[in-house]
Amino acid sequence: MDEFFAPLFASGRIVDAILALVVVEALVLLGMRTRRGRGPAPGALLSNLASGAALMLALRAALTGTAWPGIAVWLAAALAAHLAEMVIRFRRDGAASSPDCDKPAGNNQKWRTFGARPPMT
């Protein structure tokens, strides 16, 4: 097993494989949203995946012996993508809030647990 994975980690190619999977994930999720109309918002999804991709590229830079400024650039890119995602999410959530958003609807009181949603009827 070492003969297979050791060169992948030493060359940073393991990160390339993971990034390919991230691209496939993005395409699948965006395709599902297009086809079914459900799923994460494209802006938030892509900025989230960009943040993770930048962290993986920082890891790749570290594995291949890149100097610290090269690693710092990827970490700064990850931070920028993460902040962009937070702005997108807070703007979306803030627009939908209302003064009585914490008041449960009469027939949905038993669904007021974290993350639970009432059934669609």
N, C-alpha and C. Protein backbone atom coordinates (compact mmCIF):
# COMPACT_ATOMS: atom_id res chain seq x y z
N MET A 1 0.82 -1.19 0.00
CA MET A 1 0.00 0.00 0.00
C MET A 1 0.86 1.26 0.00
N ASP A 2 2.01 1.21 0.73
CA ASP A 2 2.92 2.36 0.75
C ASP A 2 3.45 2.68 -0.63
N GLU A 3 3.66 1.65 -1.44
CA GLU A 3 4.21 1.87 -2.78
C GLU A 3 3.25 2.68 -3.64
N PHE A 4 1.96 2.60 -3.34
CA PHE A 4 0.97 3.32 -4.12
C PHE A 4 0.77 4.74 -3.62
N PHE A 5 0.61 4.90 -2.29
CA PHE A 5 0.25 6.20 -1.74
C PHE A 5 1.45 7.12 -1.50
N ALA A 6 2.59 6.58 -1.16
CA ALA A 6 3.76 7.43 -0.86
C ALA A 6 4.11 8.38 -2.00
N PRO A 7 4.19 7.90 -3.24
CA PRO A 7 4.49 8.86 -4.32
C PRO A 7 3.38 9.87 -4.56
N LEU A 8 2.13 9.48 -4.33
CA LEU A 8 1.02 10.42 -4.52
C LEU A 8 1.12 11.58 -3.54
N PHE A 9 1.48 11.29 -2.29
CA PHE A 9 1.61 12.34 -1.30
C PHE A 9 2.88 13.16 -1.52
N ALA A 10 3.98 12.49 -1.86
CA ALA A 10 5.24 13.20 -2.06
C ALA A 10 5.17 14.18 -3.22
N SER A 11 4.45 13.82 -4.27
CA SER A 11 4.35 14.69 -5.44
C SER A 11 3.17 15.67 -5.37
N GLY A 12 2.28 15.46 -4.41
CA GLY A 12 1.10 16.31 -4.31
C GLY A 12 -0.02 15.88 -5.24
N ARG A 13 0.15 14.78 -5.95
CA ARG A 13 -0.86 14.31 -6.89
C ARG A 13 -2.15 13.87 -6.19
N ILE A 14 -2.06 13.52 -4.92
CA ILE A 14 -3.26 13.14 -4.18
C ILE A 14 -4.24 14.32 -4.13
N VAL A 15 -3.69 15.52 -4.01
CA VAL A 15 -4.53 16.72 -3.98
C VAL A 15 -5.19 16.93 -5.34
N ASP A 16 -4.46 16.65 -6.42
CA ASP A 16 -5.04 16.77 -7.76
C ASP A 16 -6.24 15.84 -7.91
N ALA A 17 -6.12 14.63 -7.39
CA ALA A 17 -7.23 13.67 -7.47
C ALA A 17 -8.43 14.16 -6.67
N ILE A 18 -8.17 14.72 -5.49
CA ILE A 18 -9.26 15.23 -4.66
C ILE A 18 -9.92 16.43 -5.34
N LEU A 19 -9.13 17.29 -5.94
CA LEU A 19 -9.70 18.44 -6.65
C LEU A 19 -10.57 18.00 -7.82
N ALA A 20 -10.17 16.94 -8.49
CA ALA A 20 -11.01 16.41 -9.57
C ALA A 20 -12.36 15.95 -9.02
N LEU A 21 -12.34 15.32 -7.86
CA LEU A 21 -13.60 14.91 -7.23
C LEU A 21 -14.45 16.11 -6.82
N VAL A 22 -13.81 17.18 -6.40
CA VAL A 22 -14.55 18.39 -6.03
C VAL A 22 -15.23 18.99 -7.26
N VAL A 23 -14.56 18.96 -8.40
CA VAL A 23 -15.16 19.45 -9.64
C VAL A 23 -16.37 18.60 -10.01
N VAL A 24 -16.24 17.28 -9.87
CA VAL A 24 -17.37 16.39 -10.15
C VAL A 24 -18.52 16.69 -9.20
N GLU A 25 -18.21 16.89 -7.92
CA GLU A 25 -19.24 17.22 -6.94
C GLU A 25 -19.97 18.50 -7.32
N ALA A 26 -19.22 19.52 -7.73
CA ALA A 26 -19.85 20.79 -8.12
C ALA A 26 -20.77 20.58 -9.31
N LEU A 27 -20.30 19.84 -10.29
CA LEU A 27 -21.13 19.61 -11.48
C LEU A 27 -22.40 18.83 -11.14
N VAL A 28 -22.28 17.83 -10.29
CA VAL A 28 -23.45 17.04 -9.90
C VAL A 28 -24.45 17.90 -9.13
N LEU A 29 -23.97 18.67 -8.16
CA LEU A 29 -24.88 19.49 -7.36
C LEU A 29 -25.54 20.59 -8.18
N LEU A 30 -24.77 21.21 -9.07
CA LEU A 30 -25.36 22.24 -9.92
C LEU A 30 -26.35 21.63 -10.92
N GLY A 31 -26.02 20.45 -11.41
CA GLY A 31 -26.94 19.76 -12.31
C GLY A 31 -28.23 19.37 -11.62
N MET A 32 -28.13 18.90 -10.38
CA MET A 32 -29.33 18.56 -9.61
C MET A 32 -30.18 19.79 -9.36
N ARG A 33 -29.53 20.91 -9.08
CA ARG A 33 -30.30 22.14 -8.84
C ARG A 33 -30.99 22.57 -10.12
N THR A 34 -30.32 22.45 -11.25
CA THR A 34 -30.91 22.83 -12.53
C THR A 34 -32.08 21.92 -12.88
N ARG A 35 -31.88 20.64 -12.68
CA ARG A 35 -32.90 19.66 -13.07
C ARG A 35 -34.08 19.63 -12.12
N ARG A 36 -33.82 19.65 -10.81
CA ARG A 36 -34.89 19.48 -9.82
C ARG A 36 -35.32 20.76 -9.14
N GLY A 37 -34.52 21.81 -9.28
CA GLY A 37 -34.87 23.07 -8.63
C GLY A 37 -34.60 23.08 -7.14
N ARG A 38 -33.86 22.10 -6.64
CA ARG A 38 -33.54 22.01 -5.22
C ARG A 38 -32.04 21.86 -5.07
N GLY A 39 -31.55 22.26 -3.93
CA GLY A 39 -30.13 22.12 -3.65
C GLY A 39 -29.54 23.45 -3.23
N PRO A 40 -28.25 23.46 -2.95
CA PRO A 40 -27.62 24.70 -2.48
C PRO A 40 -27.60 25.76 -3.58
N ALA A 41 -27.65 27.01 -3.16
CA ALA A 41 -27.57 28.12 -4.10
C ALA A 41 -26.20 28.09 -4.79
N PRO A 42 -26.16 28.35 -6.08
CA PRO A 42 -24.90 28.23 -6.82
C PRO A 42 -23.77 29.11 -6.27
N GLY A 43 -24.07 30.35 -5.91
CA GLY A 43 -23.01 31.23 -5.40
C GLY A 43 -22.40 30.72 -4.12
N ALA A 44 -23.25 30.32 -3.18
CA ALA A 44 -22.76 29.80 -1.91
C ALA A 44 -22.02 28.49 -2.11
N LEU A 45 -22.54 27.63 -2.98
CA LEU A 45 -21.89 26.35 -3.24
C LEU A 45 -20.50 26.55 -3.84
N LEU A 46 -20.42 27.37 -4.86
CA LEU A 46 -19.13 27.55 -5.55
C LEU A 46 -18.11 28.26 -4.67
N SER A 47 -18.54 29.22 -3.86
CA SER A 47 -17.58 29.87 -2.97
C SER A 47 -17.13 28.92 -1.86
N ASN A 48 -18.03 28.04 -1.40
CA ASN A 48 -17.66 27.04 -0.41
C ASN A 48 -16.63 26.07 -0.99
N LEU A 49 -16.90 25.58 -2.19
CA LEU A 49 -15.98 24.64 -2.82
C LEU A 49 -14.66 25.33 -3.18
N ALA A 50 -14.71 26.60 -3.55
CA ALA A 50 -13.48 27.34 -3.86
C ALA A 50 -12.62 27.49 -2.61
N SER A 51 -13.26 27.71 -1.47
CA SER A 51 -12.52 27.81 -0.21
C SER A 51 -11.80 26.49 0.09
N GLY A 52 -12.53 25.39 -0.03
CA GLY A 52 -11.91 24.09 0.20
C GLY A 52 -10.82 23.78 -0.81
N ALA A 53 -11.04 24.14 -2.06
CA ALA A 53 -10.04 23.90 -3.10
C ALA A 53 -8.76 24.70 -2.81
N ALA A 54 -8.92 25.94 -2.36
CA ALA A 54 -7.75 26.75 -2.04
C ALA A 54 -6.98 26.16 -0.86
N LEU A 55 -7.70 25.61 0.12
CA LEU A 55 -7.01 24.94 1.24
C LEU A 55 -6.26 23.70 0.75
N MET A 56 -6.86 22.98 -0.18
CA MET A 56 -6.18 21.80 -0.71
C MET A 56 -4.95 22.21 -1.53
N LEU A 57 -5.05 23.32 -2.24
CA LEU A 57 -3.88 23.78 -3.00
C LEU A 57 -2.78 24.27 -2.06
N ALA A 58 -3.16 24.82 -0.91
CA ALA A 58 -2.16 25.17 0.11
C ALA A 58 -1.48 23.91 0.63
N LEU A 59 -2.26 22.85 0.83
CA LEU A 59 -1.69 21.58 1.25
C LEU A 59 -0.74 21.04 0.19
N ARG A 60 -1.16 21.12 -1.07
CA ARG A 60 -0.30 20.64 -2.16
C ARG A 60 1.01 21.43 -2.19
N ALA A 61 0.91 22.74 -2.00
CA ALA A 61 2.12 23.56 -1.98
C ALA A 61 3.04 23.14 -0.83
N ALA A 62 2.46 22.86 0.33
CA ALA A 62 3.27 22.43 1.47
C ALA A 62 3.90 21.07 1.22
N LEU A 63 3.14 20.15 0.62
CA LEU A 63 3.67 18.81 0.36
C LEU A 63 4.83 18.83 -0.64
N THR A 64 4.78 19.77 -1.57
CA THR A 64 5.81 19.82 -2.60
C THR A 64 6.97 20.74 -2.24
N GLY A 65 6.96 21.30 -1.04
CA GLY A 65 8.08 22.11 -0.57
C GLY A 65 8.09 23.54 -1.05
N THR A 66 6.94 24.09 -1.39
CA THR A 66 6.84 25.48 -1.80
C THR A 66 7.18 26.38 -0.62
N ALA A 67 7.80 27.50 -0.91
CA ALA A 67 8.14 28.46 0.15
C ALA A 67 6.86 29.00 0.78
N TRP A 68 7.00 29.52 2.00
CA TRP A 68 5.82 29.95 2.75
C TRP A 68 4.98 31.02 2.05
N PRO A 69 5.56 31.94 1.27
CA PRO A 69 4.67 32.91 0.61
C PRO A 69 3.70 32.26 -0.38
N GLY A 70 4.12 31.20 -1.03
CA GLY A 70 3.22 30.48 -1.94
C GLY A 70 2.08 29.82 -1.20
N ILE A 71 2.37 29.28 -0.03
CA ILE A 71 1.33 28.67 0.80
C ILE A 71 0.40 29.75 1.33
N ALA A 72 0.97 30.89 1.72
CA ALA A 72 0.17 31.98 2.27
C ALA A 72 -0.81 32.53 1.23
N VAL A 73 -0.42 32.55 -0.03
CA VAL A 73 -1.32 33.03 -1.08
C VAL A 73 -2.56 32.14 -1.15
N TRP A 74 -2.36 30.82 -1.11
CA TRP A 74 -3.51 29.90 -1.17
C TRP A 74 -4.38 30.01 0.08
N LEU A 75 -3.75 30.22 1.23
CA LEU A 75 -4.53 30.40 2.45
C LEU A 75 -5.34 31.69 2.41
N ALA A 76 -4.76 32.75 1.86
CA ALA A 76 -5.50 34.01 1.71
C ALA A 76 -6.66 33.85 0.73
N ALA A 77 -6.44 33.09 -0.33
CA ALA A 77 -7.52 32.82 -1.29
C ALA A 77 -8.64 32.03 -0.61
N ALA A 78 -8.29 31.08 0.24
CA ALA A 78 -9.30 30.31 0.97
C ALA A 78 -10.10 31.24 1.89
N LEU A 79 -9.42 32.14 2.55
CA LEU A 79 -10.11 33.09 3.43
C LEU A 79 -11.07 33.97 2.62
N ALA A 80 -10.62 34.48 1.49
CA ALA A 80 -11.46 35.34 0.67
C ALA A 80 -12.71 34.59 0.19
N ALA A 81 -12.54 33.35 -0.25
CA ALA A 81 -13.69 32.56 -0.70
C ALA A 81 -14.63 32.26 0.46
N HIS A 82 -14.08 31.99 1.63
CA HIS A 82 -14.91 31.72 2.79
C HIS A 82 -15.71 32.97 3.18
N LEU A 83 -15.06 34.12 3.18
CA LEU A 83 -15.77 35.36 3.50
C LEU A 83 -16.85 35.66 2.47
N ALA A 84 -16.57 35.38 1.21
CA ALA A 84 -17.59 35.57 0.17
C ALA A 84 -18.80 34.68 0.44
N GLU A 85 -18.55 33.45 0.84
CA GLU A 85 -19.66 32.55 1.15
C GLU A 85 -20.47 33.06 2.33
N MET A 86 -19.79 33.56 3.36
CA MET A 86 -20.51 34.09 4.52
C MET A 86 -21.38 35.29 4.13
N VAL A 87 -20.86 36.16 3.29
CA VAL A 87 -21.64 37.32 2.84
C VAL A 87 -22.88 36.84 2.08
N ILE A 88 -22.70 35.88 1.19
CA ILE A 88 -23.83 35.35 0.41
C ILE A 88 -24.87 34.75 1.34
N ARG A 89 -24.44 33.93 2.29
CA ARG A 89 -25.39 33.27 3.19
C ARG A 89 -26.10 34.25 4.11
N PHE A 90 -25.37 35.22 4.67
CA PHE A 90 -26.00 36.17 5.58
C PHE A 90 -26.94 37.10 4.84
N ARG A 91 -26.62 37.49 3.63
CA ARG A 91 -27.54 38.33 2.86
C ARG A 91 -28.81 37.57 2.53
N ARG A 92 -28.67 36.30 2.14
CA ARG A 92 -29.84 35.50 1.81
C ARG A 92 -30.70 35.27 3.04
N ASP A 93 -30.08 34.88 4.16
CA ASP A 93 -30.84 34.61 5.38
C ASP A 93 -31.43 35.89 5.96
N GLY A 94 -30.72 37.00 5.86
CA GLY A 94 -31.21 38.26 6.39
C GLY A 94 -32.41 38.78 5.62
N ALA A 95 -32.45 38.54 4.33
CA ALA A 95 -33.56 39.04 3.51
C ALA A 95 -34.85 38.30 3.84
N ALA A 96 -34.73 37.05 4.27
CA ALA A 96 -35.93 36.25 4.52
C ALA A 96 -36.43 36.39 5.96
N SER A 97 -35.67 37.04 6.84
CA SER A 97 -36.10 37.11 8.23
C SER A 97 -37.16 38.19 8.42
N SER A 98 -37.95 37.98 9.42
CA SER A 98 -38.99 38.94 9.77
C SER A 98 -39.03 39.07 11.28
N PRO A 99 -39.69 40.10 11.82
CA PRO A 99 -39.71 40.29 13.28
C PRO A 99 -40.29 39.11 14.03
N ASP A 100 -41.21 38.38 13.44
CA ASP A 100 -41.82 37.25 14.15
C ASP A 100 -41.35 35.91 13.60
N CYS A 101 -40.10 35.85 13.12
CA CYS A 101 -39.61 34.60 12.53
C CYS A 101 -39.40 33.50 13.57
N ASP A 102 -39.26 33.87 14.85
CA ASP A 102 -39.07 32.85 15.87
C ASP A 102 -40.37 32.32 16.44
N LYS A 103 -41.48 32.87 16.02
CA LYS A 103 -42.76 32.39 16.50
C LYS A 103 -43.18 31.18 15.68
N PRO A 104 -43.37 30.04 16.33
CA PRO A 104 -43.75 28.85 15.56
C PRO A 104 -45.16 28.95 15.03
N ALA A 105 -45.35 28.38 13.86
CA ALA A 105 -46.71 28.30 13.32
C ALA A 105 -47.52 27.35 14.18
N GLY A 106 -48.81 27.55 14.22
CA GLY A 106 -49.67 26.79 15.11
C GLY A 106 -49.54 25.28 14.97
N ASN A 107 -49.52 24.75 13.78
CA ASN A 107 -49.50 23.31 13.62
C ASN A 107 -48.10 22.74 13.46
N ASN A 108 -47.06 23.57 13.54
CA ASN A 108 -45.69 23.09 13.34
C ASN A 108 -44.85 23.16 14.61
N GLN A 109 -45.47 23.27 15.77
CA GLN A 109 -44.70 23.45 16.99
C GLN A 109 -43.82 22.25 17.31
N LYS A 110 -44.24 21.06 16.96
CA LYS A 110 -43.41 19.90 17.28
C LYS A 110 -42.18 19.80 16.38
N TRP A 111 -42.10 20.61 15.32
CA TRP A 111 -40.97 20.57 14.39
C TRP A 111 -39.95 21.65 14.69
N ARG A 112 -40.03 22.31 15.84
CA ARG A 112 -39.16 23.42 16.16
C ARG A 112 -37.82 22.98 16.74
N THR A 113 -37.26 21.88 16.27
CA THR A 113 -35.94 21.46 16.71
C THR A 113 -34.92 21.91 15.69
N PHE A 114 -33.67 21.95 16.09
CA PHE A 114 -32.61 22.45 15.23
C PHE A 114 -32.53 21.62 13.94
N GLY A 115 -32.66 22.27 12.82
CA GLY A 115 -32.48 21.62 11.53
C GLY A 115 -33.70 20.88 11.01
N ALA A 116 -34.73 20.70 11.83
CA ALA A 116 -35.90 19.93 11.38
C ALA A 116 -36.85 20.86 10.64
N ARG A 117 -37.50 20.32 9.65
CA ARG A 117 -38.49 21.07 8.89
C ARG A 117 -39.78 20.30 8.88
N PRO A 118 -40.90 21.02 8.88
CA PRO A 118 -42.18 20.31 8.84
C PRO A 118 -42.36 19.62 7.49
N PRO A 119 -43.14 18.56 7.46
CA PRO A 119 -43.38 17.89 6.18
C PRO A 119 -44.15 18.79 5.23
N MET A 120 -43.84 18.66 3.95
CA MET A 120 -44.52 19.47 2.94
C MET A 120 -45.87 18.84 2.64
N THR A 121 -46.96 19.53 3.00
CA THR A 121 -48.30 19.00 2.74
C THR A 121 -49.11 19.99 1.95
